[in-house]
Amino acid sequence: MSEPATDATPTVSRGEGKLDAVPPELLIVAGAISIQFGASFGGALVRGYGPLPVVALRIVFGALLLLAFRPPRIHGASREALLVCVAMGVILMVMNTSFYIALARLPLGVAVTIEFWGPLTVAVLGSRRHIDLAWVALAAAGIWILTGGRLGADDAIGVAAAFVAGGCWALYILVGGRVARYWPDGRGLSLVMLVAAVLVLPASVPFADFRPLLTAPLALGGAVAVALFSSSIPYTLEISALRRLSAGTFGVLLSLEPAIAALAGLLVLGQVLHPLDLVAIALVAVASAGASITARRLRVTAGELETA
């Protein structure tokens, strides 16, 4: 992808979003709560209808909600601004699909913690400090505790899917900064979700039966709620915050997500985790926060998120 123009904050529109008045740290925490409880509601639907129909409708409904309230203004957008939205759409589609496949086979808190290797990688990217290697080792220990006993047939698929979701999560942090800078009014996110929706249907319809979900009005209403709390609200909050946060700070705040996911899984899905699983989740959360704080910051290219 070509580099942005020489302007340090290339944009499609110079308008400032109303969310700019809210501290970015608060936006990230609110987004984390929204997305994890939304994921727990999605997990309840997955039990009855399977991961592919649920994630496809989540993305499609999320796109429709954003298009209805914040339609993108493509006129005057640069080629780079459009391409970064396409890239982000692909990332979101793969990330959500793989996460819901993992969610069908693993407890919510476990799936989120395993995929945390992605944000942790962003946090330590480029660092050569010994302490950062210690954080990586701590996270690896936690992830191994969670995955070591889950390598049976179904669980292994869930673990692999969670790892794929983690890689996409890392890309989301980096590419999301570009989207936020090119589209500071937040309307680029609508285009991102439209791309994800266009891609997810042909990628999922041939492999799953959508009819049971489409013919259940209550479940469809639940899918709309999942789209709202797992896509529209948190992505809007995060994109607004990413323009004002370094990737390292974002990683520190995200370290709350495994604990939030475990709590959401308990309250909504009744998933009681083994004490050793809780220790593993704590190890990964501490490693992510520590790495985000101590990792050496890299020089920022104009228009890019700072990476720690």
C-alpha atoms as a PDB file:
ATOM      1  CA  MET A   1       0.000   0.000   0.000  1.00  0.00           C
ATOM      2  CA  SER A   2       1.397   3.396  -0.948  1.00  0.00           C
ATOM      3  CA  GLU A   3       2.365   5.851   1.767  1.00  0.00           C
ATOM      4  CA  PRO A   4       0.008   8.715   2.638  1.00  0.00           C
ATOM      5  CA  ALA A   5       0.529  12.210   1.355  1.00  0.00           C
ATOM      6  CA  THR A   6       3.043  14.453   3.071  1.00  0.00           C
ATOM      7  CA  ASP A   7       0.348  15.890   5.344  1.00  0.00           C
ATOM      8  CA  ALA A   8       0.793  14.215   8.725  1.00  0.00           C
ATOM      9  CA  THR A   9      -2.938  13.645   9.040  1.00  0.00           C
ATOM     10  CA  PRO A  10      -4.361  13.075   5.545  1.00  0.00           C
ATOM     11  CA  THR A  11      -8.112  13.265   5.579  1.00  0.00           C
ATOM     12  CA  VAL A  12     -11.240  13.087   3.530  1.00  0.00           C
ATOM     13  CA  SER A  13     -13.038  15.515   5.770  1.00  0.00           C
ATOM     14  CA  ARG A  14     -11.649  17.976   8.297  1.00  0.00           C
ATOM     15  CA  GLY A  15     -14.711  17.716  10.506  1.00  0.00           C
ATOM     16  CA  GLU A  16     -14.130  16.607  14.059  1.00  0.00           C
ATOM     17  CA  GLY A  17     -16.376  13.916  15.482  1.00  0.00           C
ATOM     18  CA  LYS A  18     -18.387  14.557  18.618  1.00  0.00           C
ATOM     19  CA  LEU A  19     -16.529  11.685  20.273  1.00  0.00           C
ATOM     20  CA  ASP A  20     -13.370  13.795  20.239  1.00  0.00           C
ATOM     21  CA  ALA A  21     -14.647  15.471  23.401  1.00  0.00           C
ATOM     22  CA  VAL A  22     -14.455  12.133  25.242  1.00  0.00           C
ATOM     23  CA  PRO A  23     -11.055  10.941  26.584  1.00  0.00           C
ATOM     24  CA  PRO A  24      -9.770   8.232  24.214  1.00  0.00           C
ATOM     25  CA  GLU A  25      -8.938   5.932  27.122  1.00  0.00           C
ATOM     26  CA  LEU A  26     -12.579   5.951  28.213  1.00  0.00           C
ATOM     27  CA  LEU A  27     -13.676   5.176  24.657  1.00  0.00           C
ATOM     28  CA  ILE A  28     -11.423   2.110  24.528  1.00  0.00           C
ATOM     29  CA  VAL A  29     -12.685   0.751  27.866  1.00  0.00           C
ATOM     30  CA  ALA A  30     -16.315   1.345  26.863  1.00  0.00           C
ATOM     31  CA  GLY A  31     -15.657  -0.352  23.528  1.00  0.00           C
ATOM     32  CA  ALA A  32     -14.074  -3.344  25.271  1.00  0.00           C
ATOM     33  CA  ILE A  33     -17.105  -3.797  27.531  1.00  0.00           C
ATOM     34  CA  SER A  34     -19.469  -3.472  24.573  1.00  0.00           C
ATOM     35  CA  ILE A  35     -17.626  -5.890  22.312  1.00  0.00           C
ATOM     36  CA  GLN A  36     -17.143  -8.614  24.923  1.00  0.00           C
ATOM     37  CA  PHE A  37     -20.724  -8.602  26.170  1.00  0.00           C
ATOM     38  CA  GLY A  38     -21.841  -8.460  22.539  1.00  0.00           C
ATOM     39  CA  ALA A  39     -19.631 -11.474  21.874  1.00  0.00           C
ATOM     40  CA  SER A  40     -21.239 -13.316  24.780  1.00  0.00           C
ATOM     41  CA  PHE A  41     -24.681 -12.695  23.257  1.00  0.00           C
ATOM     42  CA  GLY A  42     -23.265 -13.919  19.954  1.00  0.00           C
ATOM     43  CA  GLY A  43     -21.952 -17.006  21.713  1.00  0.00           C
ATOM     44  CA  ALA A  44     -25.481 -17.804  22.861  1.00  0.00           C
ATOM     45  CA  LEU A  45     -26.682 -17.608  19.245  1.00  0.00           C
ATOM     46  CA  VAL A  46     -23.745 -19.702  18.031  1.00  0.00           C
ATOM     47  CA  ARG A  47     -24.897 -22.553  20.282  1.00  0.00           C
ATOM     48  CA  GLY A  48     -28.165 -22.792  18.369  1.00  0.00           C
ATOM     49  CA  TYR A  49     -27.316 -21.671  14.843  1.00  0.00           C
ATOM     50  CA  GLY A  50     -23.580 -22.157  14.284  1.00  0.00           C
ATOM     51  CA  PRO A  51     -20.777 -19.603  13.934  1.00  0.00           C
ATOM     52  CA  LEU A  52     -20.965 -18.728  10.221  1.00  0.00           C
ATOM     53  CA  PRO A  53     -24.621 -17.577  10.051  1.00  0.00           C
ATOM     54  CA  VAL A  54     -24.207 -15.571  13.260  1.00  0.00           C
ATOM     55  CA  VAL A  55     -21.006 -13.807  12.236  1.00  0.00           C
ATOM     56  CA  ALA A  56     -22.302 -13.114   8.720  1.00  0.00           C
ATOM     57  CA  LEU A  57     -25.485 -11.492  10.027  1.00  0.00           C
ATOM     58  CA  ARG A  58     -23.519  -9.637  12.688  1.00  0.00           C
ATOM     59  CA  ILE A  59     -21.329  -8.043  10.023  1.00  0.00           C
ATOM     60  CA  VAL A  60     -24.180  -7.370   7.590  1.00  0.00           C
ATOM     61  CA  PHE A  61     -26.439  -5.828  10.237  1.00  0.00           C
ATOM     62  CA  GLY A  62     -23.498  -3.849  11.597  1.00  0.00           C
ATOM     63  CA  ALA A  63     -22.817  -2.454   8.124  1.00  0.00           C
ATOM     64  CA  LEU A  64     -26.480  -1.560   7.605  1.00  0.00           C
ATOM     65  CA  LEU A  65     -26.638   0.242  10.953  1.00  0.00           C
ATOM     66  CA  LEU A  66     -23.551   2.291  10.176  1.00  0.00           C
ATOM     67  CA  LEU A  67     -24.654   3.063   6.619  1.00  0.00           C
ATOM     68  CA  ALA A  68     -28.027   4.248   7.898  1.00  0.00           C
ATOM     69  CA  PHE A  69     -26.628   6.615  10.499  1.00  0.00           C
ATOM     70  CA  ARG A  70     -23.208   7.522   9.067  1.00  0.00           C
ATOM     71  CA  PRO A  71     -23.069   7.008   5.281  1.00  0.00           C
ATOM     72  CA  PRO A  72     -19.538   7.395   3.902  1.00  0.00           C
ATOM     73  CA  ARG A  73     -18.696  10.395   1.738  1.00  0.00           C
ATOM     74  CA  ILE A  74     -16.571   8.923  -1.011  1.00  0.00           C
ATOM     75  CA  HIS A  75     -16.492  12.027  -3.210  1.00  0.00           C
ATOM     76  CA  GLY A  76     -13.045  13.558  -2.964  1.00  0.00           C
ATOM     77  CA  ALA A  77     -11.526  10.568  -1.165  1.00  0.00           C
ATOM     78  CA  SER A  78      -7.978   9.741  -2.209  1.00  0.00           C
ATOM     79  CA  ARG A  79      -6.987   6.376  -3.635  1.00  0.00           C
ATOM     80  CA  GLU A  80      -5.018   5.653  -0.469  1.00  0.00           C
ATOM     81  CA  ALA A  81      -8.017   6.447   1.752  1.00  0.00           C
ATOM     82  CA  LEU A  82     -10.214   4.022  -0.198  1.00  0.00           C
ATOM     83  CA  LEU A  83      -7.588   1.271  -0.307  1.00  0.00           C
ATOM     84  CA  VAL A  84      -7.021   1.413   3.442  1.00  0.00           C
ATOM     85  CA  CYS A  85     -10.779   0.936   3.968  1.00  0.00           C
ATOM     86  CA  VAL A  86     -10.761  -2.108   1.693  1.00  0.00           C
ATOM     87  CA  ALA A  87      -7.812  -3.569   3.602  1.00  0.00           C
ATOM     88  CA  MET A  88      -9.531  -2.907   6.915  1.00  0.00           C
ATOM     89  CA  GLY A  89     -12.728  -4.538   5.642  1.00  0.00           C
ATOM     90  CA  VAL A  90     -10.859  -7.716   4.739  1.00  0.00           C
ATOM     91  CA  ILE A  91      -9.161  -7.751   8.143  1.00  0.00           C
ATOM     92  CA  LEU A  92     -12.447  -7.338  10.009  1.00  0.00           C
ATOM     93  CA  MET A  93     -14.163 -10.058   8.000  1.00  0.00           C
ATOM     94  CA  VAL A  94     -11.402 -12.609   8.652  1.00  0.00           C
ATOM     95  CA  MET A  95     -10.986 -11.567  12.292  1.00  0.00           C
ATOM     96  CA  ASN A  96     -14.679 -11.866  13.128  1.00  0.00           C
ATOM     97  CA  THR A  97     -15.188 -15.110  11.221  1.00  0.00           C
ATOM     98  CA  SER A  98     -12.216 -16.838  12.834  1.00  0.00           C
ATOM     99  CA  PHE A  99     -13.166 -15.528  16.284  1.00  0.00           C
ATOM    100  CA  TYR A 100     -16.696 -16.920  16.049  1.00  0.00           C
ATOM    101  CA  ILE A 101     -15.347 -20.270  14.890  1.00  0.00           C
ATOM    102  CA  ALA A 102     -13.183 -20.230  18.025  1.00  0.00           C
ATOM    103  CA  LEU A 103     -16.148 -19.119  20.137  1.00  0.00           C
ATOM    104  CA  ALA A 104     -18.113 -22.182  19.016  1.00  0.00           C
ATOM    105  CA  ARG A 105     -15.430 -24.435  20.526  1.00  0.00           C
ATOM    106  CA  LEU A 106     -13.848 -22.494  23.405  1.00  0.00           C
ATOM    107  CA  PRO A 107     -15.078 -20.448  26.384  1.00  0.00           C
ATOM    108  CA  LEU A 108     -15.235 -16.734  25.584  1.00  0.00           C
ATOM    109  CA  GLY A 109     -12.530 -15.742  28.074  1.00  0.00           C
ATOM    110  CA  VAL A 110     -10.190 -18.425  26.762  1.00  0.00           C
ATOM    111  CA  ALA A 111     -10.718 -17.485  23.094  1.00  0.00           C
ATOM    112  CA  VAL A 112     -10.084 -13.792  23.762  1.00  0.00           C
ATOM    113  CA  THR A 113      -6.976 -14.525  25.814  1.00  0.00           C
ATOM    114  CA  ILE A 114      -5.450 -16.771  23.143  1.00  0.00           C
ATOM    115  CA  GLU A 115      -6.002 -14.162  20.431  1.00  0.00           C
ATOM    116  CA  PHE A 116      -4.264 -11.618  22.624  1.00  0.00           C
ATOM    117  CA  TRP A 117      -0.951 -12.674  21.118  1.00  0.00           C
ATOM    118  CA  GLY A 118      -1.745 -10.201  18.329  1.00  0.00           C
ATOM    119  CA  PRO A 119      -1.944  -6.990  20.372  1.00  0.00           C
ATOM    120  CA  LEU A 120       1.029  -8.198  22.428  1.00  0.00           C
ATOM    121  CA  THR A 121       3.090  -8.515  19.250  1.00  0.00           C
ATOM    122  CA  VAL A 122       2.196  -4.936  18.325  1.00  0.00           C
ATOM    123  CA  ALA A 123       3.265  -3.812  21.783  1.00  0.00           C
ATOM    124  CA  VAL A 124       6.759  -5.339  21.548  1.00  0.00           C
ATOM    125  CA  LEU A 125       7.293  -4.782  17.824  1.00  0.00           C
ATOM    126  CA  GLY A 126      10.783  -3.456  17.229  1.00  0.00           C
ATOM    127  CA  SER A 127      11.835  -3.578  20.865  1.00  0.00           C
ATOM    128  CA  ARG A 128      15.113  -5.132  21.923  1.00  0.00           C
ATOM    129  CA  ARG A 129      14.800  -4.675  25.657  1.00  0.00           C
ATOM    130  CA  HIS A 130      15.244  -7.785  27.779  1.00  0.00           C
ATOM    131  CA  ILE A 131      12.173  -6.932  29.849  1.00  0.00           C
ATOM    132  CA  ASP A 132      10.029  -7.247  26.722  1.00  0.00           C
ATOM    133  CA  LEU A 133      11.276 -10.780  26.189  1.00  0.00           C
ATOM    134  CA  ALA A 134      10.135 -11.478  29.754  1.00  0.00           C
ATOM    135  CA  TRP A 135       6.659 -10.171  28.918  1.00  0.00           C
ATOM    136  CA  VAL A 136       6.529 -12.404  25.850  1.00  0.00           C
ATOM    137  CA  ALA A 137       7.565 -15.405  27.937  1.00  0.00           C
ATOM    138  CA  LEU A 138       4.904 -14.590  30.540  1.00  0.00           C
ATOM    139  CA  ALA A 139       2.204 -14.363  27.859  1.00  0.00           C
ATOM    140  CA  ALA A 140       3.434 -17.534  26.192  1.00  0.00           C
ATOM    141  CA  ALA A 141       3.164 -19.361  29.504  1.00  0.00           C
ATOM    142  CA  GLY A 142      -0.405 -18.174  29.960  1.00  0.00           C
ATOM    143  CA  ILE A 143      -1.401 -19.111  26.420  1.00  0.00           C
ATOM    144  CA  TRP A 144       0.219 -22.530  26.769  1.00  0.00           C
ATOM    145  CA  ILE A 145      -1.735 -23.175  29.972  1.00  0.00           C
ATOM    146  CA  LEU A 146      -4.915 -22.425  28.049  1.00  0.00           C
ATOM    147  CA  THR A 147      -4.060 -24.350  24.890  1.00  0.00           C
ATOM    148  CA  GLY A 148      -1.977 -27.261  26.163  1.00  0.00           C
ATOM    149  CA  GLY A 149      -4.981 -29.241  27.324  1.00  0.00           C
ATOM    150  CA  ARG A 150      -7.199 -28.178  24.425  1.00  0.00           C
ATOM    151  CA  LEU A 151      -5.583 -29.909  21.490  1.00  0.00           C
ATOM    152  CA  GLY A 152      -8.349 -32.413  20.821  1.00  0.00           C
ATOM    153  CA  ALA A 153     -10.056 -32.383  17.427  1.00  0.00           C
ATOM    154  CA  ASP A 154     -12.686 -29.671  18.005  1.00  0.00           C
ATOM    155  CA  ASP A 155     -10.687 -27.668  20.510  1.00  0.00           C
ATOM    156  CA  ALA A 156      -7.649 -27.641  18.218  1.00  0.00           C
ATOM    157  CA  ILE A 157      -9.748 -25.978  15.517  1.00  0.00           C
ATOM    158  CA  GLY A 158     -10.900 -23.424  18.069  1.00  0.00           C
ATOM    159  CA  VAL A 159      -7.337 -22.728  19.197  1.00  0.00           C
ATOM    160  CA  ALA A 160      -6.138 -22.316  15.595  1.00  0.00           C
ATOM    161  CA  ALA A 161      -9.043 -19.995  14.812  1.00  0.00           C
ATOM    162  CA  ALA A 162      -8.257 -17.890  17.899  1.00  0.00           C
ATOM    163  CA  PHE A 163      -4.642 -17.557  16.749  1.00  0.00           C
ATOM    164  CA  VAL A 164      -5.807 -16.382  13.297  1.00  0.00           C
ATOM    165  CA  ALA A 165      -8.100 -13.864  14.977  1.00  0.00           C
ATOM    166  CA  GLY A 166      -5.136 -12.633  17.013  1.00  0.00           C
ATOM    167  CA  GLY A 167      -3.088 -11.976  13.891  1.00  0.00           C
ATOM    168  CA  CYS A 168      -5.973 -10.011  12.431  1.00  0.00           C
ATOM    169  CA  TRP A 169      -6.312  -8.114  15.707  1.00  0.00           C
ATOM    170  CA  ALA A 170      -2.699  -6.945  15.372  1.00  0.00           C
ATOM    171  CA  LEU A 171      -3.374  -5.748  11.820  1.00  0.00           C
ATOM    172  CA  TYR A 172      -6.567  -4.065  13.018  1.00  0.00           C
ATOM    173  CA  ILE A 173      -4.590  -1.955  15.500  1.00  0.00           C
ATOM    174  CA  LEU A 174      -2.081  -0.829  12.873  1.00  0.00           C
ATOM    175  CA  VAL A 175      -4.390  -0.355   9.893  1.00  0.00           C
ATOM    176  CA  GLY A 176      -7.132   1.123  12.099  1.00  0.00           C
ATOM    177  CA  GLY A 177      -4.855   4.062  12.848  1.00  0.00           C
ATOM    178  CA  ARG A 178      -4.655   4.863   9.147  1.00  0.00           C
ATOM    179  CA  VAL A 179      -8.421   4.640   8.756  1.00  0.00           C
ATOM    180  CA  ALA A 180      -8.867   7.026  11.674  1.00  0.00           C
ATOM    181  CA  ARG A 181      -6.440   9.520  10.181  1.00  0.00           C
ATOM    182  CA  TYR A 182      -7.831   9.432   6.655  1.00  0.00           C
ATOM    183  CA  TRP A 183     -11.440   9.593   7.902  1.00  0.00           C
ATOM    184  CA  PRO A 184     -11.436  11.614  11.156  1.00  0.00           C
ATOM    185  CA  ASP A 185     -15.221  12.039  11.024  1.00  0.00           C
ATOM    186  CA  GLY A 186     -15.600   8.269  11.449  1.00  0.00           C
ATOM    187  CA  ARG A 187     -17.464   7.741   8.174  1.00  0.00           C
ATOM    188  CA  GLY A 188     -14.707   5.579   6.760  1.00  0.00           C
ATOM    189  CA  LEU A 189     -15.804   2.875   9.192  1.00  0.00           C
ATOM    190  CA  SER A 190     -19.113   2.575   7.327  1.00  0.00           C
ATOM    191  CA  LEU A 191     -17.194   1.861   4.145  1.00  0.00           C
ATOM    192  CA  VAL A 192     -14.997  -0.636   6.008  1.00  0.00           C
ATOM    193  CA  MET A 193     -18.043  -2.517   7.282  1.00  0.00           C
ATOM    194  CA  LEU A 194     -19.628  -2.457   3.820  1.00  0.00           C
ATOM    195  CA  VAL A 195     -16.518  -4.139   2.399  1.00  0.00           C
ATOM    196  CA  ALA A 196     -16.587  -6.741   5.191  1.00  0.00           C
ATOM    197  CA  ALA A 197     -20.295  -7.417   4.577  1.00  0.00           C
ATOM    198  CA  VAL A 198     -19.804  -7.866   0.831  1.00  0.00           C
ATOM    199  CA  LEU A 199     -17.002 -10.362   1.491  1.00  0.00           C
ATOM    200  CA  VAL A 200     -18.522 -12.356   4.346  1.00  0.00           C
ATOM    201  CA  LEU A 201     -21.648 -13.543   2.519  1.00  0.00           C
ATOM    202  CA  PRO A 202     -19.953 -15.439  -0.345  1.00  0.00           C
ATOM    203  CA  ALA A 203     -17.378 -16.726   2.146  1.00  0.00           C
ATOM    204  CA  SER A 204     -19.993 -18.201   4.507  1.00  0.00           C
ATOM    205  CA  VAL A 205     -23.253 -18.945   2.639  1.00  0.00           C
ATOM    206  CA  PRO A 206     -21.874 -22.016   0.770  1.00  0.00           C
ATOM    207  CA  PHE A 207     -20.714 -23.586   4.044  1.00  0.00           C
ATOM    208  CA  ALA A 208     -23.671 -23.057   6.388  1.00  0.00           C
ATOM    209  CA  ASP A 209     -27.463 -23.240   6.508  1.00  0.00           C
ATOM    210  CA  PHE A 210     -28.850 -19.768   7.212  1.00  0.00           C
ATOM    211  CA  ARG A 211     -32.532 -20.758   7.092  1.00  0.00           C
ATOM    212  CA  PRO A 212     -33.039 -21.627  10.789  1.00  0.00           C
ATOM    213  CA  LEU A 213     -31.658 -18.253  11.866  1.00  0.00           C
ATOM    214  CA  LEU A 214     -33.471 -16.268   9.178  1.00  0.00           C
ATOM    215  CA  THR A 215     -36.816 -17.799  10.122  1.00  0.00           C
ATOM    216  CA  ALA A 216     -36.488 -17.117  13.866  1.00  0.00           C
ATOM    217  CA  PRO A 217     -37.566 -13.490  14.550  1.00  0.00           C
ATOM    218  CA  LEU A 218     -36.258 -13.516  18.127  1.00  0.00           C
ATOM    219  CA  ALA A 219     -32.867 -14.802  17.008  1.00  0.00           C
ATOM    220  CA  LEU A 220     -32.740 -12.210  14.223  1.00  0.00           C
ATOM    221  CA  GLY A 221     -33.382  -9.510  16.801  1.00  0.00           C
ATOM    222  CA  GLY A 222     -30.535 -10.960  18.834  1.00  0.00           C
ATOM    223  CA  ALA A 223     -28.269 -10.814  15.785  1.00  0.00           C
ATOM    224  CA  VAL A 224     -29.084  -7.110  15.385  1.00  0.00           C
ATOM    225  CA  ALA A 225     -28.188  -6.564  19.057  1.00  0.00           C
ATOM    226  CA  VAL A 226     -24.921  -8.453  18.557  1.00  0.00           C
ATOM    227  CA  ALA A 227     -24.137  -6.282  15.523  1.00  0.00           C
ATOM    228  CA  LEU A 228     -24.812  -3.151  17.548  1.00  0.00           C
ATOM    229  CA  PHE A 229     -22.765  -4.089  20.604  1.00  0.00           C
ATOM    230  CA  SER A 230     -20.013  -6.111  18.888  1.00  0.00           C
ATOM    231  CA  SER A 231     -19.482  -4.038  15.738  1.00  0.00           C
ATOM    232  CA  SER A 232     -21.166  -0.664  15.360  1.00  0.00           C
ATOM    233  CA  ILE A 233     -20.612   0.727  18.863  1.00  0.00           C
ATOM    234  CA  PRO A 234     -17.105  -0.585  19.710  1.00  0.00           C
ATOM    235  CA  TYR A 235     -15.581  -0.011  16.267  1.00  0.00           C
ATOM    236  CA  THR A 236     -16.911   3.548  16.231  1.00  0.00           C
ATOM    237  CA  LEU A 237     -15.438   4.172  19.681  1.00  0.00           C
ATOM    238  CA  GLU A 238     -12.099   2.525  18.861  1.00  0.00           C
ATOM    239  CA  ILE A 239     -11.614   4.263  15.513  1.00  0.00           C
ATOM    240  CA  SER A 240     -12.242   7.614  17.200  1.00  0.00           C
ATOM    241  CA  ALA A 241      -9.766   6.761  19.975  1.00  0.00           C
ATOM    242  CA  LEU A 242      -7.073   5.282  17.722  1.00  0.00           C
ATOM    243  CA  ARG A 243      -6.499   8.633  16.037  1.00  0.00           C
ATOM    244  CA  ARG A 244      -5.458  10.045  19.409  1.00  0.00           C
ATOM    245  CA  LEU A 245      -3.634   7.062  20.945  1.00  0.00           C
ATOM    246  CA  SER A 246      -0.390   5.256  20.244  1.00  0.00           C
ATOM    247  CA  ALA A 247      -0.607   1.532  19.566  1.00  0.00           C
ATOM    248  CA  GLY A 248       1.230   0.980  22.860  1.00  0.00           C
ATOM    249  CA  THR A 249      -1.337   2.848  24.925  1.00  0.00           C
ATOM    250  CA  PHE A 250      -4.083   1.028  23.063  1.00  0.00           C
ATOM    251  CA  GLY A 251      -2.427  -2.253  24.040  1.00  0.00           C
ATOM    252  CA  VAL A 252      -2.361  -1.305  27.732  1.00  0.00           C
ATOM    253  CA  LEU A 253      -6.087  -0.581  27.707  1.00  0.00           C
ATOM    254  CA  LEU A 254      -6.844  -3.733  25.751  1.00  0.00           C
ATOM    255  CA  SER A 255      -5.214  -5.784  28.505  1.00  0.00           C
ATOM    256  CA  LEU A 256      -8.550  -5.472  30.313  1.00  0.00           C
ATOM    257  CA  GLU A 257     -10.330  -7.463  27.603  1.00  0.00           C
ATOM    258  CA  PRO A 258      -9.495 -11.026  28.770  1.00  0.00           C
ATOM    259  CA  ALA A 259     -10.916 -10.270  32.210  1.00  0.00           C
ATOM    260  CA  ILE A 260     -13.987  -8.559  30.730  1.00  0.00           C
ATOM    261  CA  ALA A 261     -14.497 -11.531  28.396  1.00  0.00           C
ATOM    262  CA  ALA A 262     -14.247 -14.012  31.260  1.00  0.00           C
ATOM    263  CA  LEU A 263     -16.817 -11.991  33.234  1.00  0.00           C
ATOM    264  CA  ALA A 264     -19.165 -11.744  30.235  1.00  0.00           C
ATOM    265  CA  GLY A 265     -18.827 -15.476  29.595  1.00  0.00           C
ATOM    266  CA  LEU A 266     -19.739 -16.192  33.216  1.00  0.00           C
ATOM    267  CA  LEU A 267     -22.701 -13.806  33.435  1.00  0.00           C
ATOM    268  CA  VAL A 268     -24.256 -14.432  30.012  1.00  0.00           C
ATOM    269  CA  LEU A 269     -23.143 -17.937  29.035  1.00  0.00           C
ATOM    270  CA  GLY A 270     -22.626 -19.501  32.451  1.00  0.00           C
ATOM    271  CA  GLN A 271     -19.016 -20.398  31.592  1.00  0.00           C
ATOM    272  CA  VAL A 272     -17.228 -21.118  34.849  1.00  0.00           C
ATOM    273  CA  LEU A 273     -13.496 -21.257  34.226  1.00  0.00           C
ATOM    274  CA  HIS A 274     -11.022 -23.462  36.073  1.00  0.00           C
ATOM    275  CA  PRO A 275      -8.819 -21.538  38.553  1.00  0.00           C
ATOM    276  CA  LEU A 276      -5.776 -22.381  36.412  1.00  0.00           C
ATOM    277  CA  ASP A 277      -7.497 -20.810  33.397  1.00  0.00           C
ATOM    278  CA  LEU A 278      -8.049 -17.643  35.418  1.00  0.00           C
ATOM    279  CA  VAL A 279      -4.356 -17.596  36.350  1.00  0.00           C
ATOM    280  CA  ALA A 280      -3.453 -17.963  32.664  1.00  0.00           C
ATOM    281  CA  ILE A 281      -5.781 -15.118  31.685  1.00  0.00           C
ATOM    282  CA  ALA A 282      -4.177 -12.919  34.353  1.00  0.00           C
ATOM    283  CA  LEU A 283      -0.684 -13.779  33.070  1.00  0.00           C
ATOM    284  CA  VAL A 284      -1.543 -12.745  29.517  1.00  0.00           C
ATOM    285  CA  ALA A 285      -3.276  -9.554  30.646  1.00  0.00           C
ATOM    286  CA  VAL A 286      -0.320  -8.527  32.817  1.00  0.00           C
ATOM    287  CA  ALA A 287       2.134  -9.364  30.014  1.00  0.00           C
ATOM    288  CA  SER A 288       0.180  -7.287  27.503  1.00  0.00           C
ATOM    289  CA  ALA A 289      -0.070  -4.280  29.804  1.00  0.00           C
ATOM    290  CA  GLY A 290       3.583  -4.542  30.821  1.00  0.00           C
ATOM    291  CA  ALA A 291       4.836  -4.898  27.260  1.00  0.00           C
ATOM    292  CA  SER A 292       2.772  -1.942  26.113  1.00  0.00           C
ATOM    293  CA  ILE A 293       4.262   0.212  28.873  1.00  0.00           C
ATOM    294  CA  THR A 294       7.921  -0.772  28.554  1.00  0.00           C
ATOM    295  CA  ALA A 295       8.416  -1.561  24.874  1.00  0.00           C
ATOM    296  CA  ARG A 296      10.625   0.906  23.022  1.00  0.00           C
ATOM    297  CA  ARG A 297       8.670   3.283  20.835  1.00  0.00           C
ATOM    298  CA  LEU A 298       9.510   3.490  17.154  1.00  0.00           C
ATOM    299  CA  ARG A 299       9.659   6.619  15.016  1.00  0.00           C
ATOM    300  CA  VAL A 300       6.256   7.329  13.518  1.00  0.00           C
ATOM    301  CA  THR A 301       5.775   7.664   9.781  1.00  0.00           C
ATOM    302  CA  ALA A 302       3.382  10.453   8.830  1.00  0.00           C
ATOM    303  CA  GLY A 303      -0.153   9.165   8.866  1.00  0.00           C
ATOM    304  CA  GLU A 304       0.644   5.941  10.722  1.00  0.00           C
ATOM    305  CA  LEU A 305      -0.096   4.799  14.218  1.00  0.00           C
ATOM    306  CA  GLU A 306       2.849   4.899  16.545  1.00  0.00           C
ATOM    307  CA  THR A 307       3.948   1.380  17.409  1.00  0.00           C
ATOM    308  CA  ALA A 308       5.559   0.575  20.707  1.00  0.00           C
END
